Amino acid sequence: QVQLVESGGGLVQAGESLRLSCTASGRTFSINDMGWNRWYRQAPGKQRELVGSISSGGTTYYADSVKGRFTISRDSAKNTVYLQMSSLKPEDTAVYYCNAGRIVGLGNEDYWGQGTQVTVSS
């Protein structure tokens, strides 16, 4: 059984920083074997949106709303993906989810964490 566990959420003031972690565990799961590692967020009353991703080759992507403020990285030795968030804004308030997956044959493996709350006060 593969598990992704997020941590690092909390309540901060606008302009401050937080670092979220997503640690994978279970059988022989390795984040390096995943085609993608992504961070999503969902604010109250809104659809889940992609925040950013890092590919198996290390290519990163960021949504325009977070570009220049958020950074995704990973530590293979710890089987952990990070989301470093800086210059936080109230509109960054959401539940943040990590997602990992890869294409397998005609389908794909897709794993999700349980989410961690980030609240940014003005």
Protein backbone atom coordinates (compact mmCIF):
# COMPACT_ATOMS: atom_id res chain seq x y z
CA GLN A 1 0.00 0.00 0.00
CA VAL A 2 1.42 3.36 -1.04
CA GLN A 3 0.84 6.39 1.15
CA LEU A 4 1.58 10.05 0.62
CA VAL A 5 1.57 12.12 3.79
CA GLU A 6 1.64 15.91 3.69
CA SER A 7 2.84 18.09 6.54
CA GLY A 8 3.88 21.64 7.20
CA GLY A 9 0.61 23.48 6.82
CA GLY A 10 -0.54 26.09 9.27
CA LEU A 11 -1.64 29.65 9.88
CA VAL A 12 0.68 32.45 8.79
CA GLN A 13 0.43 36.15 8.03
CA ALA A 14 0.63 37.60 4.57
CA GLY A 15 4.21 37.90 3.39
CA GLU A 16 5.46 34.98 5.44
CA SER A 17 6.70 31.60 4.25
CA LEU A 18 5.84 27.94 4.73
CA ARG A 19 7.34 24.73 3.49
CA LEU A 20 5.08 21.78 2.82
CA SER A 21 6.41 18.24 2.72
CA CYS A 22 5.00 15.17 1.03
CA THR A 23 6.60 11.94 2.14
CA ALA A 24 5.94 8.69 0.37
CA SER A 25 5.96 5.27 1.96
CA GLY A 26 4.92 1.76 1.14
CA ARG A 27 6.29 -1.32 -0.61
CA THR A 28 9.00 -0.29 -3.06
CA PHE A 29 7.55 3.11 -3.87
CA SER A 30 10.07 5.72 -4.88
CA ILE A 31 9.35 9.26 -5.95
CA ASN A 32 12.07 8.84 -8.54
CA ASP A 33 9.98 6.17 -10.26
CA MET A 34 7.05 8.51 -10.62
CA GLY A 35 6.50 10.32 -13.89
CA TRP A 36 5.21 13.31 -12.03
CA ASN A 37 5.01 14.77 -8.55
CA ARG A 38 2.46 17.53 -8.27
CA TRP A 39 0.99 19.91 -5.75
CA TYR A 40 -2.66 20.91 -5.98
CA ARG A 41 -4.76 23.16 -3.82
CA GLN A 42 -8.45 23.64 -3.21
CA ALA A 43 -9.92 26.74 -1.65
CA PRO A 44 -13.43 26.74 -0.16
CA GLY A 45 -16.06 26.83 -2.88
CA LYS A 46 -13.49 26.48 -5.65
CA GLN A 47 -12.25 23.68 -7.83
CA ARG A 48 -8.99 21.95 -7.14
CA GLU A 49 -6.20 23.60 -9.10
CA LEU A 50 -2.70 22.59 -10.04
CA VAL A 51 -0.09 24.63 -8.19
CA GLY A 52 3.01 23.10 -9.69
CA SER A 53 4.81 19.94 -10.60
CA ILE A 54 8.21 18.35 -10.99
CA SER A 55 8.83 15.64 -13.53
CA SER A 56 11.02 12.59 -13.20
CA GLY A 57 13.64 14.51 -15.14
CA GLY A 58 13.45 17.47 -12.81
CA THR A 59 11.49 19.83 -15.04
CA THR A 60 9.27 22.10 -13.01
CA TYR A 61 6.03 23.85 -13.83
CA TYR A 62 4.20 26.51 -11.84
CA ALA A 63 0.81 28.10 -12.14
CA ASP A 64 1.00 31.78 -13.02
CA SER A 65 -0.52 32.68 -9.67
CA VAL A 66 2.44 31.25 -7.75
CA LYS A 67 5.30 31.65 -10.21
CA GLY A 68 8.26 33.35 -8.59
CA ARG A 69 6.92 32.71 -5.08
CA PHE A 70 6.65 28.91 -4.85
CA THR A 71 9.35 26.32 -5.49
CA ILE A 72 9.02 22.55 -5.81
CA SER A 73 11.94 20.31 -4.99
CA ARG A 74 12.52 16.75 -3.93
CA ASP A 75 14.87 14.74 -1.76
CA SER A 76 15.16 11.24 -3.15
CA ALA A 77 16.95 9.93 -0.09
CA LYS A 78 13.98 10.95 2.05
CA ASN A 79 11.40 10.04 -0.59
CA THR A 80 9.97 13.49 -0.07
CA VAL A 81 8.74 16.29 -2.30
CA TYR A 82 8.63 19.84 -0.97
CA LEU A 83 6.64 22.94 -1.77
CA GLN A 84 8.43 26.05 -0.54
CA MET A 85 5.97 28.92 -0.40
CA SER A 86 7.16 32.50 0.03
CA SER A 87 5.47 35.88 0.04
CA LEU A 88 2.21 34.20 0.90
CA LYS A 89 -1.04 35.98 0.15
CA PRO A 90 -4.52 35.51 1.62
CA GLU A 91 -5.62 34.07 -1.72
CA ASP A 92 -3.15 31.21 -1.19
CA THR A 93 -5.41 29.95 1.59
CA ALA A 94 -6.47 26.42 0.69
CA VAL A 95 -6.03 22.76 1.43
CA TYR A 96 -2.88 21.62 -0.34
CA TYR A 97 -2.60 18.11 -1.74
CA CYS A 98 0.36 16.23 -3.11
CA ASN A 99 -0.05 13.86 -5.99
CA ALA A 100 2.32 11.37 -7.56
CA GLY A 101 1.85 9.13 -10.50
CA ARG A 102 3.12 7.53 -13.63
CA ILE A 103 1.84 6.00 -16.83
CA VAL A 104 1.73 2.21 -16.70
CA GLY A 105 0.82 0.48 -19.93
CA LEU A 106 -2.48 1.88 -21.10
CA GLY A 107 -3.36 3.24 -17.69
CA ASN A 108 -1.67 5.05 -14.89
CA GLU A 109 -0.87 4.84 -11.22
CA ASP A 110 -2.06 7.85 -9.27
CA TYR A 111 -1.58 8.52 -5.58
CA TRP A 112 -2.89 11.34 -3.38
CA GLY A 113 -2.15 12.62 0.07
CA GLN A 114 -4.83 13.55 2.58
CA GLY A 115 -4.19 17.29 2.33
CA THR A 116 -2.81 19.93 4.66
CA GLN A 117 -4.47 23.24 5.46
CA VAL A 118 -2.70 26.50 4.72
CA THR A 119 -4.30 29.67 6.00
CA VAL A 120 -2.86 33.10 5.24
CA SER A 121 -4.24 36.04 7.20
CA SER A 122 -4.11 39.60 5.94
